[in-house]
C-alpha atoms as a PDB file:
ATOM      1  CA  MET A   1       6.496  15.297  17.749  1.00  0.00           C
ATOM      2  CA  PHE A   2       6.774  13.468  14.377  1.00  0.00           C
ATOM      3  CA  GLU A   3      10.550  14.051  14.315  1.00  0.00           C
ATOM      4  CA  GLN A   4      11.359  10.420  13.482  1.00  0.00           C
ATOM      5  CA  ILE A   5       9.034  10.313  10.458  1.00  0.00           C
ATOM      6  CA  ILE A   6      10.344  11.431   7.077  1.00  0.00           C
ATOM      7  CA  GLY A   7       8.472  13.661   4.629  1.00  0.00           C
ATOM      8  CA  ASN A   8       5.177  15.579   4.623  1.00  0.00           C
ATOM      9  CA  ASP A   9       6.452  18.408   6.801  1.00  0.00           C
ATOM     10  CA  GLN A  10       3.329  20.533   6.255  1.00  0.00           C
ATOM     11  CA  ILE A  11       1.151  17.781   7.697  1.00  0.00           C
ATOM     12  CA  LYS A  12       3.516  17.478  10.666  1.00  0.00           C
ATOM     13  CA  ALA A  13       3.139  21.180  11.375  1.00  0.00           C
ATOM     14  CA  SER A  14      -0.643  21.103  10.933  1.00  0.00           C
ATOM     15  CA  LEU A  15      -1.190  18.104  13.210  1.00  0.00           C
ATOM     16  CA  THR A  16       1.209  19.452  15.828  1.00  0.00           C
ATOM     17  CA  HIS A  17      -0.686  22.753  15.926  1.00  0.00           C
ATOM     18  CA  ALA A  18      -4.051  20.972  16.111  1.00  0.00           C
ATOM     19  CA  ILE A  19      -2.921  18.776  19.002  1.00  0.00           C
ATOM     20  CA  LYS A  20      -1.424  21.661  20.989  1.00  0.00           C
ATOM     21  CA  SER A  21      -4.420  23.938  20.368  1.00  0.00           C
ATOM     22  CA  GLN A  22      -6.899  21.107  21.059  1.00  0.00           C
ATOM     23  CA  THR A  23      -8.530  21.550  17.640  1.00  0.00           C
ATOM     24  CA  LEU A  24      -7.773  18.074  16.267  1.00  0.00           C
ATOM     25  CA  PRO A  25     -10.751  16.746  14.237  1.00  0.00           C
ATOM     26  CA  GLN A  26     -12.324  13.682  15.814  1.00  0.00           C
ATOM     27  CA  SER A  27     -12.790  11.841  12.502  1.00  0.00           C
ATOM     28  CA  MET A  28      -9.959  12.018   9.977  1.00  0.00           C
ATOM     29  CA  LEU A  29      -9.058  10.263   6.743  1.00  0.00           C
ATOM     30  CA  PHE A  30      -5.358   9.945   5.915  1.00  0.00           C
ATOM     31  CA  VAL A  31      -5.052   9.457   2.151  1.00  0.00           C
ATOM     32  CA  GLY A  32      -1.911   8.657   0.209  1.00  0.00           C
ATOM     33  CA  LEU A  33       0.250   6.077  -1.487  1.00  0.00           C
ATOM     34  CA  GLU A  34       0.772   2.812   0.398  1.00  0.00           C
ATOM     35  CA  GLY A  35       4.061   2.846   2.304  1.00  0.00           C
ATOM     36  CA  ILE A  36       4.526   6.604   2.807  1.00  0.00           C
ATOM     37  CA  GLY A  37       3.974   6.677   6.564  1.00  0.00           C
ATOM     38  CA  LYS A  38       0.238   7.285   7.112  1.00  0.00           C
ATOM     39  CA  SER A  39       0.046   4.733   9.928  1.00  0.00           C
ATOM     40  CA  LEU A  40       3.181   6.163  11.552  1.00  0.00           C
ATOM     41  CA  PHE A  41       1.549   9.597  11.615  1.00  0.00           C
ATOM     42  CA  ALA A  42      -1.645   8.125  13.080  1.00  0.00           C
ATOM     43  CA  GLU A  43       0.252   6.306  15.817  1.00  0.00           C
ATOM     44  CA  GLU A  44       2.227   9.455  16.623  1.00  0.00           C
ATOM     45  CA  VAL A  45      -1.035  11.374  17.014  1.00  0.00           C
ATOM     46  CA  ALA A  46      -2.106   8.810  19.617  1.00  0.00           C
ATOM     47  CA  LYS A  47       1.205   9.128  21.495  1.00  0.00           C
ATOM     48  CA  SER A  48       1.061  12.928  21.471  1.00  0.00           C
ATOM     49  CA  LEU A  49      -2.408  13.467  22.904  1.00  0.00           C
ATOM     50  CA  PRO A  50      -2.372  15.013  26.396  1.00  0.00           C
ATOM     51  CA  GLY A  51      -2.895  12.396  29.076  1.00  0.00           C
ATOM     52  CA  GLY A  52      -2.118   9.542  26.688  1.00  0.00           C
ATOM     53  CA  ALA A  53      -4.478   7.386  24.681  1.00  0.00           C
ATOM     54  CA  ASP A  54      -5.690   3.806  24.419  1.00  0.00           C
ATOM     55  CA  LEU A  55      -4.821   2.665  20.886  1.00  0.00           C
ATOM     56  CA  HIS A  56      -7.210   0.427  18.935  1.00  0.00           C
ATOM     57  CA  VAL A  57      -6.025  -0.810  15.521  1.00  0.00           C
ATOM     58  CA  TYR A  58      -8.198  -2.541  12.929  1.00  0.00           C
ATOM     59  CA  ARG A  59      -6.915  -4.289   9.803  1.00  0.00           C
ATOM     60  CA  PRO A  60      -8.698  -6.229   7.048  1.00  0.00           C
ATOM     61  CA  GLU A  61      -9.177  -9.890   7.879  1.00  0.00           C
ATOM     62  CA  GLY A  62      -9.380 -13.226   6.124  1.00  0.00           C
ATOM     63  CA  LYS A  63      -8.171 -14.401   2.735  1.00  0.00           C
ATOM     64  CA  ILE A  64     -10.190 -11.764   0.870  1.00  0.00           C
ATOM     65  CA  GLY A  65      -8.768  -8.984   3.029  1.00  0.00           C
ATOM     66  CA  MET A  66     -11.951  -7.227   4.170  1.00  0.00           C
ATOM     67  CA  HIS A  67     -12.944  -5.671   7.495  1.00  0.00           C
ATOM     68  CA  SER A  68     -15.375  -8.096   9.107  1.00  0.00           C
ATOM     69  CA  ILE A  69     -18.799  -6.980  10.272  1.00  0.00           C
ATOM     70  CA  ALA A  70     -17.919  -8.271  13.745  1.00  0.00           C
ATOM     71  CA  SER A  71     -14.751  -6.166  14.050  1.00  0.00           C
ATOM     72  CA  MET A  72     -16.519  -3.027  12.807  1.00  0.00           C
ATOM     73  CA  ARG A  73     -19.345  -3.630  15.278  1.00  0.00           C
ATOM     74  CA  GLU A  74     -16.756  -3.970  18.060  1.00  0.00           C
ATOM     75  CA  PHE A  75     -15.180  -0.715  16.887  1.00  0.00           C
ATOM     76  CA  SER A  76     -18.484   1.195  16.961  1.00  0.00           C
ATOM     77  CA  GLU A  77     -19.191  -0.043  20.486  1.00  0.00           C
ATOM     78  CA  SER A  78     -15.687   0.727  21.788  1.00  0.00           C
ATOM     79  CA  VAL A  79     -15.884   4.334  20.571  1.00  0.00           C
ATOM     80  CA  TYR A  80     -18.441   5.105  23.280  1.00  0.00           C
ATOM     81  CA  MET A  81     -16.763   3.212  26.123  1.00  0.00           C
ATOM     82  CA  ALA A  82     -14.542   4.924  28.697  1.00  0.00           C
ATOM     83  CA  PRO A  83     -10.777   4.796  28.071  1.00  0.00           C
ATOM     84  CA  PHE A  84      -9.018   1.963  29.905  1.00  0.00           C
ATOM     85  CA  GLN A  85      -5.655   3.640  30.623  1.00  0.00           C
ATOM     86  CA  GLY A  86      -5.230   7.015  28.899  1.00  0.00           C
ATOM     87  CA  ALA A  87      -7.416  10.077  28.721  1.00  0.00           C
ATOM     88  CA  TRP A  88      -8.284   9.355  25.082  1.00  0.00           C
ATOM     89  CA  LYS A  89      -9.139   6.512  22.738  1.00  0.00           C
ATOM     90  CA  VAL A  90      -7.622   6.500  19.237  1.00  0.00           C
ATOM     91  CA  PHE A  91      -9.010   4.159  16.585  1.00  0.00           C
ATOM     92  CA  ILE A  92      -6.902   3.481  13.480  1.00  0.00           C
ATOM     93  CA  ILE A  93      -8.594   1.641  10.609  1.00  0.00           C
ATOM     94  CA  HIS A  94      -6.116   0.429   7.992  1.00  0.00           C
ATOM     95  CA  ASP A  95      -7.221   0.109   4.352  1.00  0.00           C
ATOM     96  CA  ALA A  96     -10.554   1.711   5.170  1.00  0.00           C
ATOM     97  CA  GLU A  97     -11.765   1.192   1.599  1.00  0.00           C
ATOM     98  CA  ARG A  98     -11.920  -2.527   2.459  1.00  0.00           C
ATOM     99  CA  MET A  99     -14.969  -2.034   4.685  1.00  0.00           C
ATOM    100  CA  LEU A 100     -18.103  -3.771   3.479  1.00  0.00           C
ATOM    101  CA  SER A 101     -20.791  -1.323   2.365  1.00  0.00           C
ATOM    102  CA  TYR A 102     -23.125  -2.679   5.021  1.00  0.00           C
ATOM    103  CA  SER A 103     -20.559  -2.009   7.748  1.00  0.00           C
ATOM    104  CA  ALA A 104     -19.630   1.416   6.399  1.00  0.00           C
ATOM    105  CA  ASN A 105     -23.262   2.537   6.293  1.00  0.00           C
ATOM    106  CA  ALA A 106     -23.826   1.251   9.831  1.00  0.00           C
ATOM    107  CA  LEU A 107     -20.884   3.354  11.056  1.00  0.00           C
ATOM    108  CA  LEU A 108     -22.043   6.709   9.689  1.00  0.00           C
ATOM    109  CA  LYS A 109     -23.242   7.988  13.067  1.00  0.00           C
ATOM    110  CA  THR A 110     -20.019   6.766  14.705  1.00  0.00           C
ATOM    111  CA  PHE A 111     -17.939   8.909  12.337  1.00  0.00           C
ATOM    112  CA  GLU A 112     -20.285  11.864  12.571  1.00  0.00           C
ATOM    113  CA  GLU A 113     -20.703  11.878  16.352  1.00  0.00           C
ATOM    114  CA  PRO A 114     -17.847  10.013  18.086  1.00  0.00           C
ATOM    115  CA  ALA A 115     -17.501  10.234  21.855  1.00  0.00           C
ATOM    116  CA  THR A 116     -15.751  13.406  22.995  1.00  0.00           C
ATOM    117  CA  ASP A 117     -12.702  11.428  24.153  1.00  0.00           C
ATOM    118  CA  SER A 118     -12.348   9.475  20.887  1.00  0.00           C
ATOM    119  CA  ILE A 119     -10.291  10.133  17.737  1.00  0.00           C
ATOM    120  CA  ILE A 120     -10.967   8.046  14.631  1.00  0.00           C
ATOM    121  CA  ILE A 121      -8.346   7.887  11.872  1.00  0.00           C
ATOM    122  CA  LEU A 122      -9.072   6.053   8.632  1.00  0.00           C
ATOM    123  CA  LEU A 123      -6.115   5.135   6.416  1.00  0.00           C
ATOM    124  CA  SER A 124      -6.539   4.612   2.690  1.00  0.00           C
ATOM    125  CA  SER A 125      -4.505   4.535  -0.503  1.00  0.00           C
ATOM    126  CA  ASN A 126      -7.714   4.548  -2.574  1.00  0.00           C
ATOM    127  CA  SER A 127     -10.190   7.013  -1.092  1.00  0.00           C
ATOM    128  CA  ALA A 128     -12.305   6.901  -4.261  1.00  0.00           C
ATOM    129  CA  ALA A 129     -13.448   3.441  -3.155  1.00  0.00           C
ATOM    130  CA  LEU A 130     -14.894   4.801   0.107  1.00  0.00           C
ATOM    131  CA  LEU A 131     -18.569   5.662   0.373  1.00  0.00           C
ATOM    132  CA  PRO A 132     -19.212   9.390  -0.232  1.00  0.00           C
ATOM    133  CA  THR A 133     -21.142   9.476   3.033  1.00  0.00           C
ATOM    134  CA  ILE A 134     -18.009   8.353   4.904  1.00  0.00           C
ATOM    135  CA  LEU A 135     -15.827  10.870   3.070  1.00  0.00           C
ATOM    136  CA  SER A 136     -18.175  13.707   3.975  1.00  0.00           C
ATOM    137  CA  ARG A 137     -17.931  12.894   7.680  1.00  0.00           C
ATOM    138  CA  CYS A 138     -14.132  12.879   7.898  1.00  0.00           C
ATOM    139  CA  ARG A 139     -11.512  15.610   7.608  1.00  0.00           C
ATOM    140  CA  THR A 140      -9.297  14.480   4.734  1.00  0.00           C
ATOM    141  CA  VAL A 141      -5.525  14.793   5.113  1.00  0.00           C
ATOM    142  CA  ARG A 142      -3.721  14.163   1.811  1.00  0.00           C
ATOM    143  CA  PHE A 143      -0.185  12.825   2.062  1.00  0.00           C
ATOM    144  CA  GLN A 144       2.312  13.518  -0.708  1.00  0.00           C
ATOM    145  CA  ASN A 145       4.626  10.855  -2.116  1.00  0.00           C
ATOM    146  CA  LEU A 146       8.010  10.937  -0.454  1.00  0.00           C
ATOM    147  CA  LYS A 147      10.858  12.531  -2.374  1.00  0.00           C
ATOM    148  CA  THR A 148      13.500  10.280  -3.862  1.00  0.00           C
ATOM    149  CA  GLU A 149      16.134  12.133  -1.824  1.00  0.00           C
ATOM    150  CA  GLU A 150      14.197  11.536   1.424  1.00  0.00           C
ATOM    151  CA  ILE A 151      13.917   7.801   0.798  1.00  0.00           C
ATOM    152  CA  ALA A 152      17.564   7.504  -0.251  1.00  0.00           C
ATOM    153  CA  ALA A 153      18.755   9.375   2.844  1.00  0.00           C
ATOM    154  CA  PHE A 154      16.710   7.072   5.089  1.00  0.00           C
ATOM    155  CA  LEU A 155      18.081   3.938   3.414  1.00  0.00           C
ATOM    156  CA  GLU A 156      21.642   5.192   3.772  1.00  0.00           C
ATOM    157  CA  LYS A 157      21.285   6.151   7.426  1.00  0.00           C
ATOM    158  CA  GLN A 158      18.894   3.532   8.778  1.00  0.00           C
ATOM    159  CA  ARG A 159      19.579   0.557   6.477  1.00  0.00           C
ATOM    160  CA  ASP A 160      23.313   1.020   5.879  1.00  0.00           C
ATOM    161  CA  GLN A 161      22.903   1.167   2.103  1.00  0.00           C
ATOM    162  CA  LYS A 162      25.638   2.616  -0.083  1.00  0.00           C
ATOM    163  CA  PRO A 163      24.608   5.908  -1.756  1.00  0.00           C
ATOM    164  CA  GLU A 164      24.350   4.366  -5.248  1.00  0.00           C
ATOM    165  CA  GLN A 165      22.150   1.488  -4.060  1.00  0.00           C
ATOM    166  CA  ALA A 166      20.048   3.774  -1.867  1.00  0.00           C
ATOM    167  CA  HIS A 167      19.280   6.140  -4.761  1.00  0.00           C
ATOM    168  CA  TYR A 168      18.552   3.201  -7.059  1.00  0.00           C
ATOM    169  CA  LEU A 169      16.019   1.699  -4.606  1.00  0.00           C
ATOM    170  CA  ALA A 170      14.505   5.122  -3.917  1.00  0.00           C
ATOM    171  CA  ASN A 171      14.015   5.731  -7.623  1.00  0.00           C
ATOM    172  CA  ILE A 172      12.159   2.504  -8.355  1.00  0.00           C
ATOM    173  CA  ALA A 173      10.090   2.828  -5.161  1.00  0.00           C
ATOM    174  CA  GLN A 174       8.250   5.775  -6.748  1.00  0.00           C
ATOM    175  CA  GLY A 175       7.624   7.720  -3.547  1.00  0.00           C
ATOM    176  CA  SER A 176       6.946   4.824  -1.170  1.00  0.00           C
ATOM    177  CA  LEU A 177       9.463   4.107   1.568  1.00  0.00           C
ATOM    178  CA  GLY A 178       7.569   0.948   2.465  1.00  0.00           C
ATOM    179  CA  ARG A 179       7.967  -0.338  -1.083  1.00  0.00           C
ATOM    180  CA  ALA A 180      11.702   0.440  -1.072  1.00  0.00           C
ATOM    181  CA  ILE A 181      12.146  -1.511   2.164  1.00  0.00           C
ATOM    182  CA  ARG A 182      10.169  -4.497   0.847  1.00  0.00           C
ATOM    183  CA  ILE A 183      12.271  -4.580  -2.316  1.00  0.00           C
ATOM    184  CA  LEU A 184      15.349  -4.578  -0.127  1.00  0.00           C
ATOM    185  CA  GLU A 185      14.163  -7.201   2.369  1.00  0.00           C
ATOM    186  CA  GLN A 186      12.020  -9.595   0.344  1.00  0.00           C
ATOM    187  CA  GLY A 187      13.821  -9.944  -2.965  1.00  0.00           C
ATOM    188  CA  GLY A 188      11.389  -7.709  -4.825  1.00  0.00           C
ATOM    189  CA  GLU A 189      14.226  -6.623  -7.078  1.00  0.00           C
ATOM    190  CA  LYS A 190      14.394 -10.152  -8.496  1.00  0.00           C
ATOM    191  CA  THR A 191      10.739  -9.921  -9.464  1.00  0.00           C
ATOM    192  CA  ARG A 192      11.390  -6.574 -11.114  1.00  0.00           C
ATOM    193  CA  GLU A 193      14.338  -7.992 -13.050  1.00  0.00           C
ATOM    194  CA  MET A 194      12.153 -10.835 -14.292  1.00  0.00           C
ATOM    195  CA  VAL A 195       9.340  -8.519 -15.383  1.00  0.00           C
ATOM    196  CA  LEU A 196      11.592  -6.013 -17.138  1.00  0.00           C
ATOM    197  CA  ALA A 197      13.542  -8.781 -18.878  1.00  0.00           C
ATOM    198  CA  ILE A 198      10.207  -9.931 -20.291  1.00  0.00           C
ATOM    199  CA  MET A 199       9.243  -6.395 -21.297  1.00  0.00           C
ATOM    200  CA  SER A 200      12.636  -5.976 -22.996  1.00  0.00           C
ATOM    201  CA  GLN A 201      11.940  -8.984 -25.221  1.00  0.00           C
ATOM    202  CA  GLY A 202       8.899  -7.386 -26.811  1.00  0.00           C
ATOM    203  CA  LYS A 203       5.865  -9.364 -27.995  1.00  0.00           C
ATOM    204  CA  MET A 204       5.691 -13.036 -27.037  1.00  0.00           C
ATOM    205  CA  ALA A 205       5.727 -15.739 -29.665  1.00  0.00           C
ATOM    206  CA  SER A 206       2.761 -17.782 -28.447  1.00  0.00           C
ATOM    207  CA  TRP A 207      -0.001 -18.130 -25.899  1.00  0.00           C
ATOM    208  CA  LYS A 208       2.013 -20.891 -24.235  1.00  0.00           C
ATOM    209  CA  GLN A 209       4.929 -18.537 -23.673  1.00  0.00           C
ATOM    210  CA  LEU A 210       2.596 -15.802 -22.416  1.00  0.00           C
ATOM    211  CA  SER A 211       0.950 -18.196 -19.949  1.00  0.00           C
ATOM    212  CA  GLN A 212       4.312 -19.487 -18.695  1.00  0.00           C
ATOM    213  CA  VAL A 213       5.528 -15.940 -18.120  1.00  0.00           C
ATOM    214  CA  ALA A 214       2.385 -15.105 -16.116  1.00  0.00           C
ATOM    215  CA  GLN A 215       2.843 -18.231 -13.992  1.00  0.00           C
ATOM    216  CA  GLN A 216       6.522 -17.445 -13.330  1.00  0.00           C
ATOM    217  CA  ILE A 217       5.753 -13.912 -12.155  1.00  0.00           C
ATOM    218  CA  SER A 218       2.860 -15.118  -9.981  1.00  0.00           C
ATOM    219  CA  ALA A 219       5.114 -17.744  -8.412  1.00  0.00           C
ATOM    220  CA  LYS A 220       7.672 -15.048  -7.570  1.00  0.00           C
ATOM    221  CA  VAL A 221       5.008 -12.906  -5.879  1.00  0.00           C
ATOM    222  CA  GLU A 222       3.737 -15.969  -3.988  1.00  0.00           C
ATOM    223  CA  GLU A 223       7.288 -16.691  -2.832  1.00  0.00           C
ATOM    224  CA  SER A 224       7.543 -13.156  -1.482  1.00  0.00           C
ATOM    225  CA  LYS A 225       4.194 -13.579   0.268  1.00  0.00           C
ATOM    226  CA  ASN A 226       5.313 -16.821   1.937  1.00  0.00           C
ATOM    227  CA  LEU A 227       8.474 -15.171   3.196  1.00  0.00           C
ATOM    228  CA  LEU A 228       6.454 -12.291   4.638  1.00  0.00           C
ATOM    229  CA  GLU A 229       4.015 -14.729   6.262  1.00  0.00           C
ATOM    230  CA  GLU A 230       6.869 -16.412   8.101  1.00  0.00           C
ATOM    231  CA  GLN A 231       8.108 -13.037   9.346  1.00  0.00           C
ATOM    232  CA  VAL A 232       4.650 -11.911  10.476  1.00  0.00           C
ATOM    233  CA  LYS A 233       3.875 -15.145  12.291  1.00  0.00           C
ATOM    234  CA  THR A 234       7.245 -15.080  14.020  1.00  0.00           C
ATOM    235  CA  GLU A 235       6.416 -11.627  15.395  1.00  0.00           C
ATOM    236  CA  LEU A 236       2.836 -12.472  16.368  1.00  0.00           C
ATOM    237  CA  TYR A 237       3.715 -15.760  18.028  1.00  0.00           C
ATOM    238  CA  GLN A 238       6.528 -14.462  20.205  1.00  0.00           C
ATOM    239  CA  ALA A 239       4.367 -15.343  23.186  1.00  0.00           C
ATOM    240  CA  PRO A 240       4.133 -19.118  23.887  1.00  0.00           C
ATOM    241  CA  GLN A 241       1.324 -20.544  21.756  1.00  0.00           C
ATOM    242  CA  GLU A 242       0.085 -22.791  24.579  1.00  0.00           C
ATOM    243  CA  ASN A 243      -0.998 -19.616  26.380  1.00  0.00           C
ATOM    244  CA  LEU A 244      -3.354 -18.689  23.559  1.00  0.00           C
ATOM    245  CA  THR A 245      -6.931 -19.861  23.390  1.00  0.00           C
ATOM    246  CA  ALA A 246      -8.315 -21.426  20.218  1.00  0.00           C
ATOM    247  CA  LEU A 247     -10.328 -18.262  19.566  1.00  0.00           C
ATOM    248  CA  GLN A 248      -7.219 -16.087  19.974  1.00  0.00           C
ATOM    249  CA  LYS A 249      -5.301 -18.273  17.520  1.00  0.00           C
ATOM    250  CA  GLU A 250      -8.183 -18.096  15.055  1.00  0.00           C
ATOM    251  CA  ASN A 251      -8.330 -14.303  15.324  1.00  0.00           C
ATOM    252  CA  ILE A 252      -4.577 -14.029  14.836  1.00  0.00           C
ATOM    253  CA  GLN A 253      -4.772 -16.207  11.721  1.00  0.00           C
ATOM    254  CA  LYS A 254      -7.580 -14.051  10.332  1.00  0.00           C
ATOM    255  CA  GLU A 255      -5.481 -10.943  10.890  1.00  0.00           C
ATOM    256  CA  VAL A 256      -2.460 -12.569   9.244  1.00  0.00           C
ATOM    257  CA  ASP A 257      -4.540 -13.698   6.250  1.00  0.00           C
ATOM    258  CA  GLY A 258      -6.027 -10.230   5.834  1.00  0.00           C
ATOM    259  CA  PHE A 259      -2.648  -8.541   6.091  1.00  0.00           C
ATOM    260  CA  LEU A 260      -1.109 -10.913   3.549  1.00  0.00           C
ATOM    261  CA  ALA A 261      -4.031 -10.574   1.139  1.00  0.00           C
ATOM    262  CA  MET A 262      -3.703  -6.800   1.156  1.00  0.00           C
ATOM    263  CA  ARG A 263       0.081  -6.949   0.887  1.00  0.00           C
ATOM    264  CA  GLN A 264      -0.147  -9.322  -2.085  1.00  0.00           C
ATOM    265  CA  PHE A 265      -2.654  -6.994  -3.714  1.00  0.00           C
ATOM    266  CA  ASP A 266      -0.251  -4.083  -3.184  1.00  0.00           C
ATOM    267  CA  GLU A 267       2.610  -6.091  -4.697  1.00  0.00           C
ATOM    268  CA  ALA A 268       0.485  -6.957  -7.722  1.00  0.00           C
ATOM    269  CA  CYS A 269      -0.439  -3.301  -8.187  1.00  0.00           C
ATOM    270  CA  ALA A 270       3.254  -2.421  -7.945  1.00  0.00           C
ATOM    271  CA  LEU A 271       3.852  -4.874 -10.797  1.00  0.00           C
ATOM    272  CA  PHE A 272       1.184  -3.165 -12.864  1.00  0.00           C
ATOM    273  CA  GLU A 273       2.742   0.240 -12.147  1.00  0.00           C
ATOM    274  CA  MET A 274       6.126  -1.172 -13.137  1.00  0.00           C
ATOM    275  CA  ILE A 275       4.739  -2.321 -16.498  1.00  0.00           C
ATOM    276  CA  TYR A 276       2.977   0.997 -17.049  1.00  0.00           C
ATOM    277  CA  GLY A 277       6.257   2.731 -16.176  1.00  0.00           C
ATOM    278  CA  TRP A 278       7.975   0.773 -18.954  1.00  0.00           C
ATOM    279  CA  TYR A 279       5.597   2.171 -21.586  1.00  0.00           C
ATOM    280  CA  ARG A 280       5.751   5.615 -20.014  1.00  0.00           C
ATOM    281  CA  ASP A 281       9.544   5.500 -20.320  1.00  0.00           C
ATOM    282  CA  LEU A 282       9.242   4.490 -23.973  1.00  0.00           C
ATOM    283  CA  GLU A 283       6.987   7.481 -24.607  1.00  0.00           C
ATOM    284  CA  LEU A 284       9.465   9.764 -22.821  1.00  0.00           C
ATOM    285  CA  LEU A 285      12.297   8.556 -25.058  1.00  0.00           C
ATOM    286  CA  LYS A 286      10.074   8.813 -28.118  1.00  0.00           C
ATOM    287  CA  VAL A 287       9.487  12.544 -27.537  1.00  0.00           C
ATOM    288  CA  ASN A 288      13.121  13.083 -26.483  1.00  0.00           C
ATOM    289  CA  GLY A 289      12.136  14.030 -22.934  1.00  0.00           C
ATOM    290  CA  ASN A 290      14.345  14.548 -19.909  1.00  0.00           C
ATOM    291  CA  ARG A 291      15.892  11.161 -19.177  1.00  0.00           C
ATOM    292  CA  THR A 292      16.283  11.884 -15.491  1.00  0.00           C
ATOM    293  CA  TRP A 293      12.506  11.294 -15.287  1.00  0.00           C
ATOM    294  CA  LEU A 294      12.812   7.689 -16.480  1.00  0.00           C
ATOM    295  CA  MET A 295      11.320   5.247 -13.971  1.00  0.00           C
ATOM    296  CA  HIS A 296      13.619   2.463 -15.157  1.00  0.00           C
ATOM    297  CA  ARG A 297      16.805   4.427 -15.689  1.00  0.00           C
ATOM    298  CA  ASP A 298      18.956   1.334 -15.222  1.00  0.00           C
ATOM    299  CA  TYR A 299      17.218  -0.206 -18.275  1.00  0.00           C
ATOM    300  CA  GLU A 300      17.816   2.780 -20.544  1.00  0.00           C
ATOM    301  CA  GLU A 301      19.659   0.756 -23.179  1.00  0.00           C
ATOM    302  CA  ALA A 302      16.929  -1.891 -23.271  1.00  0.00           C
ATOM    303  CA  LEU A 303      14.302   0.855 -23.576  1.00  0.00           C
ATOM    304  CA  GLU A 304      16.119   2.399 -26.518  1.00  0.00           C
ATOM    305  CA  GLN A 305      16.311  -0.967 -28.263  1.00  0.00           C
ATOM    306  CA  ALA A 306      12.606  -1.563 -27.631  1.00  0.00           C
ATOM    307  CA  LEU A 307      11.791   1.861 -29.036  1.00  0.00           C
ATOM    308  CA  GLN A 308      13.766   1.068 -32.192  1.00  0.00           C
ATOM    309  CA  ARG A 309      11.693  -2.102 -32.603  1.00  0.00           C
ATOM    310  CA  GLY A 310       8.564   0.067 -32.511  1.00  0.00           C
ATOM    311  CA  VAL A 311       6.906  -1.424 -29.427  1.00  0.00           C
ATOM    312  CA  ALA A 312       5.763   1.868 -27.887  1.00  0.00           C
ATOM    313  CA  LEU A 313       2.017   1.808 -27.182  1.00  0.00           C
ATOM    314  CA  PRO A 314      -0.573   4.559 -26.585  1.00  0.00           C
ATOM    315  CA  LEU A 315      -0.374   5.304 -22.856  1.00  0.00           C
ATOM    316  CA  GLY A 316      -4.105   5.889 -22.539  1.00  0.00           C
ATOM    317  CA  HIS A 317      -4.840   2.376 -23.803  1.00  0.00           C
ATOM    318  CA  VAL A 318      -2.176   0.833 -21.572  1.00  0.00           C
ATOM    319  CA  GLN A 319      -3.601   2.634 -18.531  1.00  0.00           C
ATOM    320  CA  LYS A 320      -7.145   1.445 -19.321  1.00  0.00           C
ATOM    321  CA  ILE A 321      -5.997  -2.171 -19.651  1.00  0.00           C
ATOM    322  CA  ILE A 322      -4.157  -1.987 -16.323  1.00  0.00           C
ATOM    323  CA  GLU A 323      -7.170  -0.415 -14.600  1.00  0.00           C
ATOM    324  CA  ASP A 324      -9.395  -3.243 -15.882  1.00  0.00           C
ATOM    325  CA  VAL A 325      -6.957  -5.902 -14.705  1.00  0.00           C
ATOM    326  CA  ARG A 326      -6.594  -4.269 -11.292  1.00  0.00           C
ATOM    327  CA  LEU A 327     -10.383  -4.305 -10.920  1.00  0.00           C
ATOM    328  CA  SER A 328     -10.408  -8.033 -11.766  1.00  0.00           C
ATOM    329  CA  LEU A 329      -7.782  -8.620  -9.090  1.00  0.00           C
ATOM    330  CA  GLU A 330      -9.925  -6.750  -6.549  1.00  0.00           C
ATOM    331  CA  ARG A 331     -12.751  -9.124  -7.452  1.00  0.00           C
ATOM    332  CA  SER A 332     -10.567 -12.100  -6.462  1.00  0.00           C
ATOM    333  CA  THR A 333      -9.428 -13.170  -9.930  1.00  0.00           C
ATOM    334  CA  SER A 334      -6.092 -14.980  -9.567  1.00  0.00           C
ATOM    335  CA  LEU A 335      -2.925 -13.010 -10.271  1.00  0.00           C
ATOM    336  CA  THR A 336      -1.901 -15.530 -12.946  1.00  0.00           C
ATOM    337  CA  VAL A 337      -5.140 -14.978 -14.884  1.00  0.00           C
ATOM    338  CA  CYS A 338      -4.855 -11.198 -14.439  1.00  0.00           C
ATOM    339  CA  LEU A 339      -1.321 -11.224 -15.845  1.00  0.00           C
ATOM    340  CA  GLU A 340      -2.338 -13.452 -18.743  1.00  0.00           C
ATOM    341  CA  THR A 341      -5.138 -11.013 -19.567  1.00  0.00           C
ATOM    342  CA  LEU A 342      -2.807  -8.028 -19.232  1.00  0.00           C
ATOM    343  CA  PHE A 343      -0.100  -9.411 -21.513  1.00  0.00           C
ATOM    344  CA  LEU A 344      -2.606 -10.679 -24.069  1.00  0.00           C
ATOM    345  CA  ARG A 345      -4.369  -7.314 -24.361  1.00  0.00           C
ATOM    346  CA  LEU A 346      -1.042  -5.508 -24.623  1.00  0.00           C
ATOM    347  CA  GLN A 347      -0.037  -7.930 -27.391  1.00  0.00           C
ATOM    348  CA  LEU A 348      -3.187  -7.051 -29.328  1.00  0.00           C
ATOM    349  CA  LEU A 349      -2.698  -3.270 -29.215  1.00  0.00           C
END
């Protein structure tokens, strides 16, 4: 049970005991960084329940990446129906913070009093965005970021990466195996190189240059999104399309759009973390800290040169700017505009 999943051994032991002793909570919230295996744990819970379980998975839909009212209504109705094949029903809701407030409030009784043969597992990388009433009705399980050594070992064994490359990817992934794999598969390293080359240059000469830089980075993220869309559609459309009804095709497209919207949001947030990491590294060098803690260790020389030019900024101000920009992105502001705002405000510090 859980043997094939890396990291979070205490949670493995706790869930294993709860399943064997039949004390598993019926409503749970798995909280932790995107890409650390929360969904893998949830799926393993479903596989491990005695008698087997029907698995129901819900993801955000549409271009804004929200759970639709219709899908949440279907979820609340299915909770109280009899299992189709197994002895249990397990409901996994990805990115639970993307539920509309109306839907979340309507589901309070579902979370508080699910059917006796139902297990509900919410997944979230931002539990603070969930309604307090939802949080109070779920047993929270907090996942820790994966260790660099765990990610590197996985990449070496499962992805045939050389030790040096595996440790390099694990370091910049900052605790997320999913992020490390995306960097490896979708050219995310090229985006990182572009961003850090820009950060190494220091302040930009003009608004025109700033705007061009924002557009270039956005185009790189969009390119990664398009590549992922092709991969996702290839997997979803393995069955002959002529066998699908128009409604089925529409539902698949909604699911694809929602998945891509959330993935693009995650990639944008990773960019913001990367930029924050640059200034954090500058502060670490400034106070002569332990260099093994540098996020961008492969850019150590560029960081030292930047520090000599006096471009270190107060971390509290940098963090506030990034939080504001992330909120704008959540409110559907384009990534290009968000990056323009970010770079401009950093220029003015």
